ModelCIF file with pLDDT and N, C-alpha, C, O atoms, coordinates in Angstrom:
data_MODEL
#
_entry.id   MODEL 
#
_entity.id                         1 
_entity.type                       polymer 
_entity.pdbx_number_of_molecules   1 
#
_entity_poly.entity_id                      1 
_entity_poly.type                           'polypeptide(L)' 
_entity_poly.nstd_linkage                   no 
_entity_poly.nstd_monomer                   no 
_entity_poly.pdbx_seq_one_letter_code       KLTTTLQENISGIRVVKAFSQEKLERHKFNERNETNFDSNMSRAKI 
_entity_poly.pdbx_seq_one_letter_code_can   KLTTTLQENISGIRVVKAFSQEKLERHKFNERNETNFDSNMSRAKI 
_entity_poly.pdbx_strand_id                 A 
#
loop_
_entity_poly_seq.entity_id 
_entity_poly_seq.num 
_entity_poly_seq.mon_id 
_entity_poly_seq.hetero 
1 1  LYS n 
1 2  LEU n 
1 3  THR n 
1 4  THR n 
1 5  THR n 
1 6  LEU n 
1 7  GLN n 
1 8  GLU n 
1 9  ASN n 
1 10 ILE n 
1 11 SER n 
1 12 GLY n 
1 13 ILE n 
1 14 ARG n 
1 15 VAL n 
1 16 VAL n 
1 17 LYS n 
1 18 ALA n 
1 19 PHE n 
1 20 SER n 
1 21 GLN n 
1 22 GLU n 
1 23 LYS n 
1 24 LEU n 
1 25 GLU n 
1 26 ARG n 
1 27 HIS n 
1 28 LYS n 
1 29 PHE n 
1 30 ASN n 
1 31 GLU n 
1 32 ARG n 
1 33 ASN n 
1 34 GLU n 
1 35 THR n 
1 36 ASN n 
1 37 PHE n 
1 38 ASP n 
1 39 SER n 
1 40 ASN n 
1 41 MET n 
1 42 SER n 
1 43 ARG n 
1 44 ALA n 
1 45 LYS n 
1 46 ILE n 
#
_struct_asym.id          A 
_struct_asym.entity_id   1 
#
loop_
_ma_qa_metric.id 
_ma_qa_metric.mode 
_ma_qa_metric.name 
_ma_qa_metric.software_group_id 
_ma_qa_metric.type 
1 global pLDDT . pLDDT 
2 local  pLDDT . pLDDT 
#
_ma_qa_metric_global.metric_id      1 
_ma_qa_metric_global.metric_value   80.41 
_ma_qa_metric_global.model_id       1 
_ma_qa_metric_global.ordinal_id     1 
#
loop_
_ma_qa_metric_local.label_asym_id 
_ma_qa_metric_local.label_comp_id 
_ma_qa_metric_local.label_seq_id 
_ma_qa_metric_local.metric_id 
_ma_qa_metric_local.metric_value 
_ma_qa_metric_local.model_id 
_ma_qa_metric_local.ordinal_id 
A LYS 1  2 81.00 1 1  
A LEU 2  2 83.00 1 2  
A THR 3  2 82.00 1 3  
A THR 4  2 80.00 1 4  
A THR 5  2 82.00 1 5  
A LEU 6  2 80.00 1 6  
A GLN 7  2 75.00 1 7  
A GLU 8  2 76.00 1 8  
A ASN 9  2 77.00 1 9  
A ILE 10 2 72.00 1 10 
A SER 11 2 70.00 1 11 
A GLY 12 2 72.00 1 12 
A ILE 13 2 72.00 1 13 
A ARG 14 2 66.00 1 14 
A VAL 15 2 70.00 1 15 
A VAL 16 2 74.00 1 16 
A LYS 17 2 70.00 1 17 
A ALA 18 2 67.00 1 18 
A PHE 19 2 66.00 1 19 
A SER 20 2 72.00 1 20 
A GLN 21 2 78.00 1 21 
A GLU 22 2 81.00 1 22 
A LYS 23 2 84.00 1 23 
A LEU 24 2 82.00 1 24 
A GLU 25 2 82.00 1 25 
A ARG 26 2 85.00 1 26 
A HIS 27 2 85.00 1 27 
A LYS 28 2 83.00 1 28 
A PHE 29 2 84.00 1 29 
A ASN 30 2 87.00 1 30 
A GLU 31 2 87.00 1 31 
A ARG 32 2 85.00 1 32 
A ASN 33 2 87.00 1 33 
A GLU 34 2 89.00 1 34 
A THR 35 2 88.00 1 35 
A ASN 36 2 85.00 1 36 
A PHE 37 2 88.00 1 37 
A ASP 38 2 87.00 1 38 
A SER 39 2 86.00 1 39 
A ASN 40 2 85.00 1 40 
A MET 41 2 88.00 1 41 
A SER 42 2 86.00 1 42 
A ARG 43 2 84.00 1 43 
A ALA 44 2 85.00 1 44 
A LYS 45 2 87.00 1 45 
A ILE 46 2 84.00 1 46 
#
loop_
_atom_site.group_PDB 
_atom_site.id 
_atom_site.type_symbol 
_atom_site.label_atom_id 
_atom_site.label_alt_id 
_atom_site.label_comp_id 
_atom_site.label_asym_id 
_atom_site.label_entity_id 
_atom_site.label_seq_id 
_atom_site.pdbx_PDB_ins_code 
_atom_site.Cartn_x 
_atom_site.Cartn_y 
_atom_site.Cartn_z 
_atom_site.occupancy 
_atom_site.B_iso_or_equiv 
_atom_site.pdbx_formal_charge 
_atom_site.auth_seq_id 
_atom_site.auth_comp_id 
_atom_site.auth_asym_id 
_atom_site.auth_atom_id 
_atom_site.pdbx_PDB_model_num 
ATOM 1   N N  . LYS A 1 1  ? -52.061 -10.217 -12.749 1.00 81.00 ? 1  LYS A N  1 
ATOM 2   C CA . LYS A 1 1  ? -53.193 -10.891 -13.387 1.00 81.00 ? 1  LYS A CA 1 
ATOM 3   C C  . LYS A 1 1  ? -54.095 -9.890  -14.107 1.00 81.00 ? 1  LYS A C  1 
ATOM 4   O O  . LYS A 1 1  ? -54.619 -10.179 -15.183 1.00 81.00 ? 1  LYS A O  1 
ATOM 5   N N  . LEU A 1 2  ? -54.271 -8.716  -13.509 1.00 83.00 ? 2  LEU A N  1 
ATOM 6   C CA . LEU A 1 2  ? -55.090 -7.684  -14.145 1.00 83.00 ? 2  LEU A CA 1 
ATOM 7   C C  . LEU A 1 2  ? -54.444 -7.235  -15.451 1.00 83.00 ? 2  LEU A C  1 
ATOM 8   O O  . LEU A 1 2  ? -55.132 -7.054  -16.456 1.00 83.00 ? 2  LEU A O  1 
ATOM 9   N N  . THR A 1 3  ? -53.117 -7.053  -15.440 1.00 82.00 ? 3  THR A N  1 
ATOM 10  C CA . THR A 1 3  ? -52.397 -6.655  -16.643 1.00 82.00 ? 3  THR A CA 1 
ATOM 11  C C  . THR A 1 3  ? -52.492 -7.741  -17.714 1.00 82.00 ? 3  THR A C  1 
ATOM 12  O O  . THR A 1 3  ? -52.615 -7.437  -18.901 1.00 82.00 ? 3  THR A O  1 
ATOM 13  N N  . THR A 1 4  ? -52.437 -8.995  -17.297 1.00 80.00 ? 4  THR A N  1 
ATOM 14  C CA . THR A 1 4  ? -52.566 -10.105 -18.243 1.00 80.00 ? 4  THR A CA 1 
ATOM 15  C C  . THR A 1 4  ? -53.925 -10.083 -18.933 1.00 80.00 ? 4  THR A C  1 
ATOM 16  O O  . THR A 1 4  ? -54.014 -10.248 -20.150 1.00 80.00 ? 4  THR A O  1 
ATOM 17  N N  . THR A 1 5  ? -54.977 -9.880  -18.151 1.00 82.00 ? 5  THR A N  1 
ATOM 18  C CA . THR A 1 5  ? -56.327 -9.820  -18.721 1.00 82.00 ? 5  THR A CA 1 
ATOM 19  C C  . THR A 1 5  ? -56.439 -8.680  -19.723 1.00 82.00 ? 5  THR A C  1 
ATOM 20  O O  . THR A 1 5  ? -57.019 -8.846  -20.795 1.00 82.00 ? 5  THR A O  1 
ATOM 21  N N  . LEU A 1 6  ? -55.888 -7.528  -19.378 1.00 80.00 ? 6  LEU A N  1 
ATOM 22  C CA . LEU A 1 6  ? -55.934 -6.372  -20.274 1.00 80.00 ? 6  LEU A CA 1 
ATOM 23  C C  . LEU A 1 6  ? -55.153 -6.642  -21.550 1.00 80.00 ? 6  LEU A C  1 
ATOM 24  O O  . LEU A 1 6  ? -55.622 -6.334  -22.645 1.00 80.00 ? 6  LEU A O  1 
ATOM 25  N N  . GLN A 1 7  ? -53.965 -7.214  -21.412 1.00 75.00 ? 7  GLN A N  1 
ATOM 26  C CA . GLN A 1 7  ? -53.134 -7.480  -22.575 1.00 75.00 ? 7  GLN A CA 1 
ATOM 27  C C  . GLN A 1 7  ? -53.795 -8.477  -23.518 1.00 75.00 ? 7  GLN A C  1 
ATOM 28  O O  . GLN A 1 7  ? -53.771 -8.289  -24.734 1.00 75.00 ? 7  GLN A O  1 
ATOM 29  N N  . GLU A 1 8  ? -54.386 -9.540  -22.967 1.00 76.00 ? 8  GLU A N  1 
ATOM 30  C CA . GLU A 1 8  ? -55.045 -10.548 -23.798 1.00 76.00 ? 8  GLU A CA 1 
ATOM 31  C C  . GLU A 1 8  ? -56.245 -9.955  -24.523 1.00 76.00 ? 8  GLU A C  1 
ATOM 32  O O  . GLU A 1 8  ? -56.498 -10.282 -25.682 1.00 76.00 ? 8  GLU A O  1 
ATOM 33  N N  . ASN A 1 9  ? -56.977 -9.091  -23.849 1.00 77.00 ? 9  ASN A N  1 
ATOM 34  C CA . ASN A 1 9  ? -58.152 -8.493  -24.476 1.00 77.00 ? 9  ASN A CA 1 
ATOM 35  C C  . ASN A 1 9  ? -57.757 -7.601  -25.649 1.00 77.00 ? 9  ASN A C  1 
ATOM 36  O O  . ASN A 1 9  ? -58.370 -7.647  -26.715 1.00 77.00 ? 9  ASN A O  1 
ATOM 37  N N  . ILE A 1 10 ? -56.713 -6.781  -25.433 1.00 72.00 ? 10 ILE A N  1 
ATOM 38  C CA . ILE A 1 10 ? -56.281 -5.882  -26.505 1.00 72.00 ? 10 ILE A CA 1 
ATOM 39  C C  . ILE A 1 10 ? -55.719 -6.674  -27.677 1.00 72.00 ? 10 ILE A C  1 
ATOM 40  O O  . ILE A 1 10 ? -55.997 -6.355  -28.833 1.00 72.00 ? 10 ILE A O  1 
ATOM 41  N N  . SER A 1 11 ? -54.926 -7.708  -27.385 1.00 70.00 ? 11 SER A N  1 
ATOM 42  C CA . SER A 1 11 ? -54.347 -8.522  -28.460 1.00 70.00 ? 11 SER A CA 1 
ATOM 43  C C  . SER A 1 11 ? -55.422 -9.269  -29.240 1.00 70.00 ? 11 SER A C  1 
ATOM 44  O O  . SER A 1 11 ? -55.307 -9.451  -30.452 1.00 70.00 ? 11 SER A O  1 
ATOM 45  N N  . GLY A 1 12 ? -56.468 -9.699  -28.535 1.00 72.00 ? 12 GLY A N  1 
ATOM 46  C CA . GLY A 1 12 ? -57.510 -10.489 -29.195 1.00 72.00 ? 12 GLY A CA 1 
ATOM 47  C C  . GLY A 1 12 ? -58.787 -9.725  -29.455 1.00 72.00 ? 12 GLY A C  1 
ATOM 48  O O  . GLY A 1 12 ? -59.858 -10.325 -29.548 1.00 72.00 ? 12 GLY A O  1 
ATOM 49  N N  . ILE A 1 13 ? -58.697 -8.395  -29.574 1.00 72.00 ? 13 ILE A N  1 
ATOM 50  C CA . ILE A 1 13 ? -59.907 -7.575  -29.688 1.00 72.00 ? 13 ILE A CA 1 
ATOM 51  C C  . ILE A 1 13 ? -60.719 -7.919  -30.935 1.00 72.00 ? 13 ILE A C  1 
ATOM 52  O O  . ILE A 1 13 ? -61.944 -7.795  -30.921 1.00 72.00 ? 13 ILE A O  1 
ATOM 53  N N  . ARG A 1 14 ? -60.064 -8.344  -32.003 1.00 66.00 ? 14 ARG A N  1 
ATOM 54  C CA . ARG A 1 14 ? -60.806 -8.692  -33.218 1.00 66.00 ? 14 ARG A CA 1 
ATOM 55  C C  . ARG A 1 14 ? -61.637 -9.957  -33.021 1.00 66.00 ? 14 ARG A C  1 
ATOM 56  O O  . ARG A 1 14 ? -62.752 -10.069 -33.531 1.00 66.00 ? 14 ARG A O  1 
ATOM 57  N N  . VAL A 1 15 ? -61.076 -10.907 -32.271 1.00 70.00 ? 15 VAL A N  1 
ATOM 58  C CA . VAL A 1 15 ? -61.841 -12.121 -31.963 1.00 70.00 ? 15 VAL A CA 1 
ATOM 59  C C  . VAL A 1 15 ? -63.008 -11.776 -31.045 1.00 70.00 ? 15 VAL A C  1 
ATOM 60  O O  . VAL A 1 15 ? -64.114 -12.290 -31.215 1.00 70.00 ? 15 VAL A O  1 
ATOM 61  N N  . VAL A 1 16 ? -62.756 -10.909 -30.080 1.00 74.00 ? 16 VAL A N  1 
ATOM 62  C CA . VAL A 1 16 ? -63.813 -10.497 -29.143 1.00 74.00 ? 16 VAL A CA 1 
ATOM 63  C C  . VAL A 1 16 ? -64.977 -9.889  -29.905 1.00 74.00 ? 16 VAL A C  1 
ATOM 64  O O  . VAL A 1 16 ? -66.133 -10.242 -29.673 1.00 74.00 ? 16 VAL A O  1 
ATOM 65  N N  . LYS A 1 17 ? -64.672 -8.980  -30.809 1.00 70.00 ? 17 LYS A N  1 
ATOM 66  C CA . LYS A 1 17 ? -65.737 -8.298  -31.550 1.00 70.00 ? 17 LYS A CA 1 
ATOM 67  C C  . LYS A 1 17 ? -66.398 -9.227  -32.567 1.00 70.00 ? 17 LYS A C  1 
ATOM 68  O O  . LYS A 1 17 ? -67.602 -9.145  -32.810 1.00 70.00 ? 17 LYS A O  1 
ATOM 69  N N  . ALA A 1 18 ? -65.589 -10.114 -33.158 1.00 67.00 ? 18 ALA A N  1 
ATOM 70  C CA . ALA A 1 18 ? -66.153 -11.039 -34.147 1.00 67.00 ? 18 ALA A CA 1 
ATOM 71  C C  . ALA A 1 18 ? -67.199 -11.950 -33.526 1.00 67.00 ? 18 ALA A C  1 
ATOM 72  O O  . ALA A 1 18 ? -68.174 -12.313 -34.184 1.00 67.00 ? 18 ALA A O  1 
ATOM 73  N N  . PHE A 1 19 ? -67.006 -12.326 -32.261 1.00 66.00 ? 19 PHE A N  1 
ATOM 74  C CA . PHE A 1 19 ? -67.941 -13.214 -31.585 1.00 66.00 ? 19 PHE A CA 1 
ATOM 75  C C  . PHE A 1 19 ? -68.868 -12.467 -30.620 1.00 66.00 ? 19 PHE A C  1 
ATOM 76  O O  . PHE A 1 19 ? -69.599 -13.078 -29.840 1.00 66.00 ? 19 PHE A O  1 
ATOM 77  N N  . SER A 1 20 ? -68.820 -11.123 -30.691 1.00 72.00 ? 20 SER A N  1 
ATOM 78  C CA . SER A 1 20 ? -69.704 -10.280 -29.863 1.00 72.00 ? 20 SER A CA 1 
ATOM 79  C C  . SER A 1 20 ? -69.607 -10.646 -28.385 1.00 72.00 ? 20 SER A C  1 
ATOM 80  O O  . SER A 1 20 ? -70.620 -10.805 -27.705 1.00 72.00 ? 20 SER A O  1 
ATOM 81  N N  . GLN A 1 21 ? -68.381 -10.776 -27.903 1.00 78.00 ? 21 GLN A N  1 
ATOM 82  C CA . GLN A 1 21 ? -68.166 -11.181 -26.518 1.00 78.00 ? 21 GLN A CA 1 
ATOM 83  C C  . GLN A 1 21 ? -67.634 -10.032 -25.653 1.00 78.00 ? 21 GLN A C  1 
ATOM 84  O O  . GLN A 1 21 ? -66.926 -10.254 -24.671 1.00 78.00 ? 21 GLN A O  1 
ATOM 85  N N  . GLU A 1 22 ? -67.987 -8.807  -26.034 1.00 81.00 ? 22 GLU A N  1 
ATOM 86  C CA . GLU A 1 22 ? -67.556 -7.660  -25.236 1.00 81.00 ? 22 GLU A CA 1 
ATOM 87  C C  . GLU A 1 22 ? -68.070 -7.748  -23.795 1.00 81.00 ? 22 GLU A C  1 
ATOM 88  O O  . GLU A 1 22 ? -67.365 -7.405  -22.847 1.00 81.00 ? 22 GLU A O  1 
ATOM 89  N N  . LYS A 1 23 ? -69.306 -8.213  -23.655 1.00 84.00 ? 23 LYS A N  1 
ATOM 90  C CA . LYS A 1 23 ? -69.891 -8.328  -22.314 1.00 84.00 ? 23 LYS A CA 1 
ATOM 91  C C  . LYS A 1 23 ? -69.118 -9.333  -21.472 1.00 84.00 ? 23 LYS A C  1 
ATOM 92  O O  . LYS A 1 23 ? -68.849 -9.084  -20.297 1.00 84.00 ? 23 LYS A O  1 
ATOM 93  N N  . LEU A 1 24 ? -68.760 -10.467 -22.067 1.00 82.00 ? 24 LEU A N  1 
ATOM 94  C CA . LEU A 1 24 ? -67.986 -11.481 -21.348 1.00 82.00 ? 24 LEU A CA 1 
ATOM 95  C C  . LEU A 1 24 ? -66.630 -10.933 -20.933 1.00 82.00 ? 24 LEU A C  1 
ATOM 96  O O  . LEU A 1 24 ? -66.181 -11.163 -19.810 1.00 82.00 ? 24 LEU A O  1 
ATOM 97  N N  . GLU A 1 25 ? -65.972 -10.207 -21.840 1.00 82.00 ? 25 GLU A N  1 
ATOM 98  C CA . GLU A 1 25 ? -64.654 -9.655  -21.539 1.00 82.00 ? 25 GLU A CA 1 
ATOM 99  C C  . GLU A 1 25 ? -64.740 -8.589  -20.453 1.00 82.00 ? 25 GLU A C  1 
ATOM 100 O O  . GLU A 1 25 ? -63.864 -8.498  -19.593 1.00 82.00 ? 25 GLU A O  1 
ATOM 101 N N  . ARG A 1 26 ? -65.807 -7.778  -20.495 1.00 85.00 ? 26 ARG A N  1 
ATOM 102 C CA . ARG A 1 26 ? -65.992 -6.794  -19.428 1.00 85.00 ? 26 ARG A CA 1 
ATOM 103 C C  . ARG A 1 26 ? -66.174 -7.483  -18.084 1.00 85.00 ? 26 ARG A C  1 
ATOM 104 O O  . ARG A 1 26 ? -65.670 -7.024  -17.059 1.00 85.00 ? 26 ARG A O  1 
ATOM 105 N N  . HIS A 1 27 ? -66.906 -8.600  -18.108 1.00 85.00 ? 27 HIS A N  1 
ATOM 106 C CA . HIS A 1 27 ? -67.128 -9.348  -16.868 1.00 85.00 ? 27 HIS A CA 1 
ATOM 107 C C  . HIS A 1 27 ? -65.803 -9.911  -16.340 1.00 85.00 ? 27 HIS A C  1 
ATOM 108 O O  . HIS A 1 27 ? -65.532 -9.835  -15.141 1.00 85.00 ? 27 HIS A O  1 
ATOM 109 N N  . LYS A 1 28 ? -64.974 -10.476 -17.234 1.00 83.00 ? 28 LYS A N  1 
ATOM 110 C CA . LYS A 1 28 ? -63.681 -11.012 -16.812 1.00 83.00 ? 28 LYS A CA 1 
ATOM 111 C C  . LYS A 1 28 ? -62.801 -9.909  -16.228 1.00 83.00 ? 28 LYS A C  1 
ATOM 112 O O  . LYS A 1 28 ? -62.154 -10.093 -15.196 1.00 83.00 ? 28 LYS A O  1 
ATOM 113 N N  . PHE A 1 29 ? -62.788 -8.760  -16.906 1.00 84.00 ? 29 PHE A N  1 
ATOM 114 C CA . PHE A 1 29 ? -61.953 -7.665  -16.414 1.00 84.00 ? 29 PHE A CA 1 
ATOM 115 C C  . PHE A 1 29 ? -62.488 -7.122  -15.089 1.00 84.00 ? 29 PHE A C  1 
ATOM 116 O O  . PHE A 1 29 ? -61.725 -6.798  -14.180 1.00 84.00 ? 29 PHE A O  1 
ATOM 117 N N  . ASN A 1 30 ? -63.805 -7.031  -15.001 1.00 87.00 ? 30 ASN A N  1 
ATOM 118 C CA . ASN A 1 30 ? -64.405 -6.536  -13.758 1.00 87.00 ? 30 ASN A CA 1 
ATOM 119 C C  . ASN A 1 30 ? -64.049 -7.439  -12.577 1.00 87.00 ? 30 ASN A C  1 
ATOM 120 O O  . ASN A 1 30 ? -63.778 -6.952  -11.479 1.00 87.00 ? 30 ASN A O  1 
ATOM 121 N N  . GLU A 1 31 ? -64.052 -8.757  -12.804 1.00 87.00 ? 31 GLU A N  1 
ATOM 122 C CA . GLU A 1 31 ? -63.683 -9.684  -11.730 1.00 87.00 ? 31 GLU A CA 1 
ATOM 123 C C  . GLU A 1 31 ? -62.247 -9.451  -11.272 1.00 87.00 ? 31 GLU A C  1 
ATOM 124 O O  . GLU A 1 31 ? -61.965 -9.398  -10.074 1.00 87.00 ? 31 GLU A O  1 
ATOM 125 N N  . ARG A 1 32 ? -61.338 -9.313  -12.248 1.00 85.00 ? 32 ARG A N  1 
ATOM 126 C CA . ARG A 1 32 ? -59.940 -9.048  -11.904 1.00 85.00 ? 32 ARG A CA 1 
ATOM 127 C C  . ARG A 1 32 ? -59.806 -7.697  -11.204 1.00 85.00 ? 32 ARG A C  1 
ATOM 128 O O  . ARG A 1 32 ? -59.075 -7.555  -10.225 1.00 85.00 ? 32 ARG A O  1 
ATOM 129 N N  . ASN A 1 33 ? -60.525 -6.716  -11.728 1.00 87.00 ? 33 ASN A N  1 
ATOM 130 C CA . ASN A 1 33 ? -60.449 -5.370  -11.162 1.00 87.00 ? 33 ASN A CA 1 
ATOM 131 C C  . ASN A 1 33 ? -60.989 -5.347  -9.734  1.00 87.00 ? 33 ASN A C  1 
ATOM 132 O O  . ASN A 1 33 ? -60.433 -4.682  -8.860  1.00 87.00 ? 33 ASN A O  1 
ATOM 133 N N  . GLU A 1 34 ? -62.072 -6.076  -9.509  1.00 89.00 ? 34 GLU A N  1 
ATOM 134 C CA . GLU A 1 34 ? -62.657 -6.128  -8.164  1.00 89.00 ? 34 GLU A CA 1 
ATOM 135 C C  . GLU A 1 34 ? -61.717 -6.843  -7.183  1.00 89.00 ? 34 GLU A C  1 
ATOM 136 O O  . GLU A 1 34 ? -61.578 -6.437  -6.029  1.00 89.00 ? 34 GLU A O  1 
ATOM 137 N N  . THR A 1 35 ? -61.075 -7.917  -7.669  1.00 88.00 ? 35 THR A N  1 
ATOM 138 C CA . THR A 1 35 ? -60.120 -8.623  -6.812  1.00 88.00 ? 35 THR A CA 1 
ATOM 139 C C  . THR A 1 35 ? -58.949 -7.715  -6.449  1.00 88.00 ? 35 THR A C  1 
ATOM 140 O O  . THR A 1 35 ? -58.486 -7.694  -5.309  1.00 88.00 ? 35 THR A O  1 
ATOM 141 N N  . ASN A 1 36 ? -58.478 -6.959  -7.459  1.00 85.00 ? 36 ASN A N  1 
ATOM 142 C CA . ASN A 1 36 ? -57.399 -6.013  -7.204  1.00 85.00 ? 36 ASN A CA 1 
ATOM 143 C C  . ASN A 1 36 ? -57.848 -4.926  -6.231  1.00 85.00 ? 36 ASN A C  1 
ATOM 144 O O  . ASN A 1 36 ? -57.091 -4.512  -5.353  1.00 85.00 ? 36 ASN A O  1 
ATOM 145 N N  . PHE A 1 37 ? -59.095 -4.469  -6.400  1.00 88.00 ? 37 PHE A N  1 
ATOM 146 C CA . PHE A 1 37 ? -59.660 -3.457  -5.504  1.00 88.00 ? 37 PHE A CA 1 
ATOM 147 C C  . PHE A 1 37 ? -59.743 -3.995  -4.071  1.00 88.00 ? 37 PHE A C  1 
ATOM 148 O O  . PHE A 1 37 ? -59.387 -3.305  -3.117  1.00 88.00 ? 37 PHE A O  1 
ATOM 149 N N  . ASP A 1 38 ? -60.216 -5.233  -3.939  1.00 87.00 ? 38 ASP A N  1 
ATOM 150 C CA . ASP A 1 38 ? -60.334 -5.833  -2.603  1.00 87.00 ? 38 ASP A CA 1 
ATOM 151 C C  . ASP A 1 38 ? -58.962 -5.984  -1.941  1.00 87.00 ? 38 ASP A C  1 
ATOM 152 O O  . ASP A 1 38 ? -58.817 -5.761  -0.739  1.00 87.00 ? 38 ASP A O  1 
ATOM 153 N N  . SER A 1 39 ? -57.960 -6.365  -2.738  1.00 86.00 ? 39 SER A N  1 
ATOM 154 C CA . SER A 1 39 ? -56.602 -6.511  -2.191  1.00 86.00 ? 39 SER A CA 1 
ATOM 155 C C  . SER A 1 39 ? -56.085 -5.169  -1.683  1.00 86.00 ? 39 SER A C  1 
ATOM 156 O O  . SER A 1 39 ? -55.471 -5.089  -0.619  1.00 86.00 ? 39 SER A O  1 
ATOM 157 N N  . ASN A 1 40 ? -56.340 -4.123  -2.455  1.00 85.00 ? 40 ASN A N  1 
ATOM 158 C CA . ASN A 1 40 ? -55.890 -2.797  -2.038  1.00 85.00 ? 40 ASN A CA 1 
ATOM 159 C C  . ASN A 1 40 ? -56.646 -2.301  -0.813  1.00 85.00 ? 40 ASN A C  1 
ATOM 160 O O  . ASN A 1 40 ? -56.072 -1.634  0.048   1.00 85.00 ? 40 ASN A O  1 
ATOM 161 N N  . MET A 1 41 ? -57.937 -2.626  -0.733  1.00 88.00 ? 41 MET A N  1 
ATOM 162 C CA . MET A 1 41 ? -58.707 -2.200  0.436   1.00 88.00 ? 41 MET A CA 1 
ATOM 163 C C  . MET A 1 41 ? -58.287 -2.964  1.687   1.00 88.00 ? 41 MET A C  1 
ATOM 164 O O  . MET A 1 41 ? -58.329 -2.419  2.790   1.00 88.00 ? 41 MET A O  1 
ATOM 165 N N  . SER A 1 42 ? -57.882 -4.224  1.521   1.00 86.00 ? 42 SER A N  1 
ATOM 166 C CA . SER A 1 42 ? -57.362 -4.975  2.665   1.00 86.00 ? 42 SER A CA 1 
ATOM 167 C C  . SER A 1 42 ? -56.079 -4.329  3.173   1.00 86.00 ? 42 SER A C  1 
ATOM 168 O O  . SER A 1 42 ? -55.857 -4.204  4.377   1.00 86.00 ? 42 SER A O  1 
ATOM 169 N N  . ARG A 1 43 ? -55.239 -3.921  2.223   1.00 84.00 ? 43 ARG A N  1 
ATOM 170 C CA . ARG A 1 43 ? -54.020 -3.215  2.601   1.00 84.00 ? 43 ARG A CA 1 
ATOM 171 C C  . ARG A 1 43 ? -54.338 -1.877  3.257   1.00 84.00 ? 43 ARG A C  1 
ATOM 172 O O  . ARG A 1 43 ? -53.708 -1.504  4.246   1.00 84.00 ? 43 ARG A O  1 
ATOM 173 N N  . ALA A 1 44 ? -55.317 -1.152  2.708   1.00 85.00 ? 44 ALA A N  1 
ATOM 174 C CA . ALA A 1 44 ? -55.701 0.148   3.276   1.00 85.00 ? 44 ALA A CA 1 
ATOM 175 C C  . ALA A 1 44 ? -56.270 -0.008  4.689   1.00 85.00 ? 44 ALA A C  1 
ATOM 176 O O  . ALA A 1 44 ? -56.067 0.857   5.541   1.00 85.00 ? 44 ALA A O  1 
ATOM 177 N N  . LYS A 1 45 ? -56.980 -1.111  4.936   1.00 87.00 ? 45 LYS A N  1 
ATOM 178 C CA . LYS A 1 45 ? -57.543 -1.349  6.266   1.00 87.00 ? 45 LYS A CA 1 
ATOM 179 C C  . LYS A 1 45 ? -56.430 -1.556  7.296   1.00 87.00 ? 45 LYS A C  1 
ATOM 180 O O  . LYS A 1 45 ? -56.511 -1.075  8.427   1.00 87.00 ? 45 LYS A O  1 
ATOM 181 N N  . ILE A 1 46 ? -55.388 -2.286  6.876   1.00 84.00 ? 46 ILE A N  1 
ATOM 182 C CA . ILE A 1 46 ? -54.247 -2.485  7.773   1.00 84.00 ? 46 ILE A CA 1 
ATOM 183 C C  . ILE A 1 46 ? -53.589 -1.142  8.093   1.00 84.00 ? 46 ILE A C  1 
ATOM 184 O O  . ILE A 1 46 ? -52.608 -1.097  8.835   1.00 84.00 ? 46 ILE A O  1 
#
């Protein structure tokens, strides 16, 4: 899912910039990144 978010952002970067939605995209990526981080920390705790 994190890779999907990254790929969509790079493919649609012109739309992102045209609508000044960099902040929204950072928020979407941060959510995915945090979820991935939490999954890894759960594994690390085990």
